[in-house]
Amino acid sequence: MKAVHGLLIAFALVGLWIVMDHLRAPRLHLETVRDLPAVREQTVAQTNPVPPVNSSIQPVVMGRINVNTATLEQLVELPKVGPKLAQRIMEHRPYRSMQDLDQVKGIGEKMLHTLEPLITF
């Protein structure tokens, strides 16, 4: 009987040790899990599904836009660029750098920062 009693106490202590170890273990928060590359790619894929491709529909903007050759419609597709600003951009061509583009009325430092990854010269 003493052996069984000792065995039960040992099992209880091991179980308590497992529970305490589990409570001390650091937990992954949702924000931490989302930062993992594989999870981030899944999350982006789920939130930004790729629309079905239809050969009769062509996107106006794909990749970077060359501000020296872009049409008015392509320039208007850029963020914060309306028809009037797009027309001014076309009138001041050619551009060789962001500094040249900065000379157009209506384009400031914030606008340049927004457009920089979207345009080319």
Protein backbone atom coordinates (compact mmCIF):
# COMPACT_ATOMS: atom_id res chain seq x y z
CA MET A 1 0.00 0.00 0.00
CA LYS A 2 2.90 2.36 0.75
CA ALA A 3 4.26 1.81 -2.77
CA VAL A 4 0.94 2.74 -4.36
CA HIS A 5 0.63 5.75 -2.08
CA GLY A 6 4.16 6.88 -3.00
CA LEU A 7 3.45 6.34 -6.69
CA LEU A 8 0.29 8.48 -6.50
CA ILE A 9 2.23 11.26 -4.80
CA ALA A 10 4.92 11.05 -7.49
CA PHE A 11 2.29 11.29 -10.26
CA ALA A 12 0.66 14.24 -8.51
CA LEU A 13 4.01 16.05 -8.21
CA VAL A 14 4.88 15.39 -11.87
CA GLY A 15 1.44 16.65 -12.91
CA LEU A 16 1.87 19.75 -10.76
CA TRP A 17 5.32 20.32 -12.25
CA ILE A 18 3.89 20.07 -15.80
CA VAL A 19 1.10 22.54 -14.99
CA MET A 20 3.51 25.00 -13.37
CA ASP A 21 5.93 24.72 -16.30
CA HIS A 22 3.07 25.40 -18.71
CA LEU A 23 2.03 28.49 -16.75
CA ARG A 24 5.59 29.87 -16.77
CA ALA A 25 6.13 29.30 -20.51
CA PRO A 26 5.98 32.47 -22.62
CA ARG A 27 2.90 32.69 -24.76
CA LEU A 28 2.82 33.79 -28.37
CA HIS A 29 0.53 36.74 -28.76
CA LEU A 30 -1.52 37.14 -31.91
CA GLU A 31 0.64 40.09 -32.99
CA THR A 32 3.78 37.96 -32.62
CA VAL A 33 2.30 35.11 -34.66
CA ARG A 34 1.23 37.51 -37.42
CA ASP A 35 4.82 38.74 -37.69
CA LEU A 36 6.11 35.29 -38.65
CA PRO A 37 6.87 35.33 -42.41
CA ALA A 38 4.74 32.30 -43.33
CA VAL A 39 1.77 33.55 -41.31
CA ARG A 40 2.19 37.09 -42.69
CA GLU A 41 2.04 35.77 -46.28
CA GLN A 42 -1.10 33.75 -45.48
CA THR A 43 -2.73 36.77 -43.83
CA VAL A 44 -1.91 39.05 -46.77
CA ALA A 45 -3.17 36.44 -49.22
CA GLN A 46 -6.43 36.15 -47.29
CA THR A 47 -7.00 39.90 -46.93
CA ASN A 48 -5.98 40.77 -50.51
CA PRO A 49 -7.35 38.03 -52.72
CA VAL A 50 -6.24 38.16 -56.34
CA PRO A 51 -9.23 38.93 -58.54
CA PRO A 52 -9.95 36.53 -61.37
CA VAL A 53 -8.15 37.41 -64.58
CA ASN A 54 -10.36 38.39 -67.47
CA SER A 55 -8.58 38.96 -70.79
CA SER A 56 -11.05 41.68 -71.78
CA ILE A 57 -10.18 43.80 -68.74
CA GLN A 58 -6.77 45.45 -68.70
CA PRO A 59 -5.60 47.30 -65.60
CA VAL A 60 -4.82 50.97 -66.13
CA VAL A 61 -1.74 50.80 -63.92
CA MET A 62 0.56 47.81 -63.55
CA GLY A 63 3.94 48.15 -61.86
CA ARG A 64 5.69 51.52 -61.82
CA ILE A 65 4.48 54.35 -64.00
CA ASN A 66 6.91 56.31 -66.13
CA VAL A 67 5.82 59.92 -65.57
CA ASN A 68 7.41 60.95 -68.88
CA THR A 69 5.29 58.58 -70.98
CA ALA A 70 2.17 57.92 -68.87
CA THR A 71 -1.25 58.84 -70.15
CA LEU A 72 -3.60 61.13 -68.24
CA GLU A 73 -5.63 58.08 -67.15
CA GLN A 74 -2.55 56.33 -65.79
CA LEU A 75 -1.44 59.39 -63.83
CA VAL A 76 -4.92 59.83 -62.32
CA GLU A 77 -4.69 56.26 -60.97
CA LEU A 78 -1.80 57.34 -58.72
CA PRO A 79 -2.80 58.15 -55.13
CA LYS A 80 -3.69 61.79 -54.49
CA VAL A 81 -3.40 62.68 -58.21
CA GLY A 82 -6.51 64.12 -59.81
CA PRO A 83 -7.11 65.16 -63.41
CA LYS A 84 -5.80 68.72 -62.93
CA LEU A 85 -2.58 67.61 -61.25
CA ALA A 86 -2.11 64.89 -63.86
CA GLN A 87 -2.44 67.53 -66.59
CA ARG A 88 0.16 69.74 -64.87
CA ILE A 89 2.52 66.74 -64.62
CA MET A 90 2.13 66.13 -68.36
CA GLU A 91 2.73 69.80 -69.20
CA HIS A 92 6.06 69.97 -67.32
CA ARG A 93 7.65 66.92 -68.97
CA PRO A 94 10.39 65.67 -69.22
CA TYR A 95 11.48 64.69 -65.70
CA ARG A 96 14.81 63.20 -64.72
CA SER A 97 14.41 63.01 -60.94
CA MET A 98 12.10 63.52 -57.99
CA GLN A 99 13.46 67.08 -57.67
CA ASP A 100 12.17 67.86 -61.17
CA LEU A 101 8.76 66.50 -60.22
CA ASP A 102 8.80 68.59 -57.05
CA GLN A 103 8.67 71.73 -59.24
CA VAL A 104 5.09 70.94 -60.34
CA LYS A 105 2.49 73.01 -58.48
CA GLY A 106 0.52 70.76 -56.12
CA ILE A 107 3.31 68.27 -55.50
CA GLY A 108 5.08 68.61 -52.18
CA GLU A 109 7.34 66.55 -49.98
CA LYS A 110 4.55 64.27 -48.70
CA MET A 111 3.26 63.67 -52.22
CA LEU A 112 6.78 62.82 -53.44
CA HIS A 113 7.17 60.35 -50.58
CA THR A 114 3.86 58.71 -51.55
CA LEU A 115 4.67 58.59 -55.28
CA GLU A 116 8.32 57.54 -55.08
CA PRO A 117 7.75 53.74 -54.98
CA LEU A 118 5.09 53.98 -57.72
CA ILE A 119 6.84 56.00 -60.42
CA THR A 120 9.92 55.93 -62.59
CA PHE A 121 11.56 58.34 -65.02
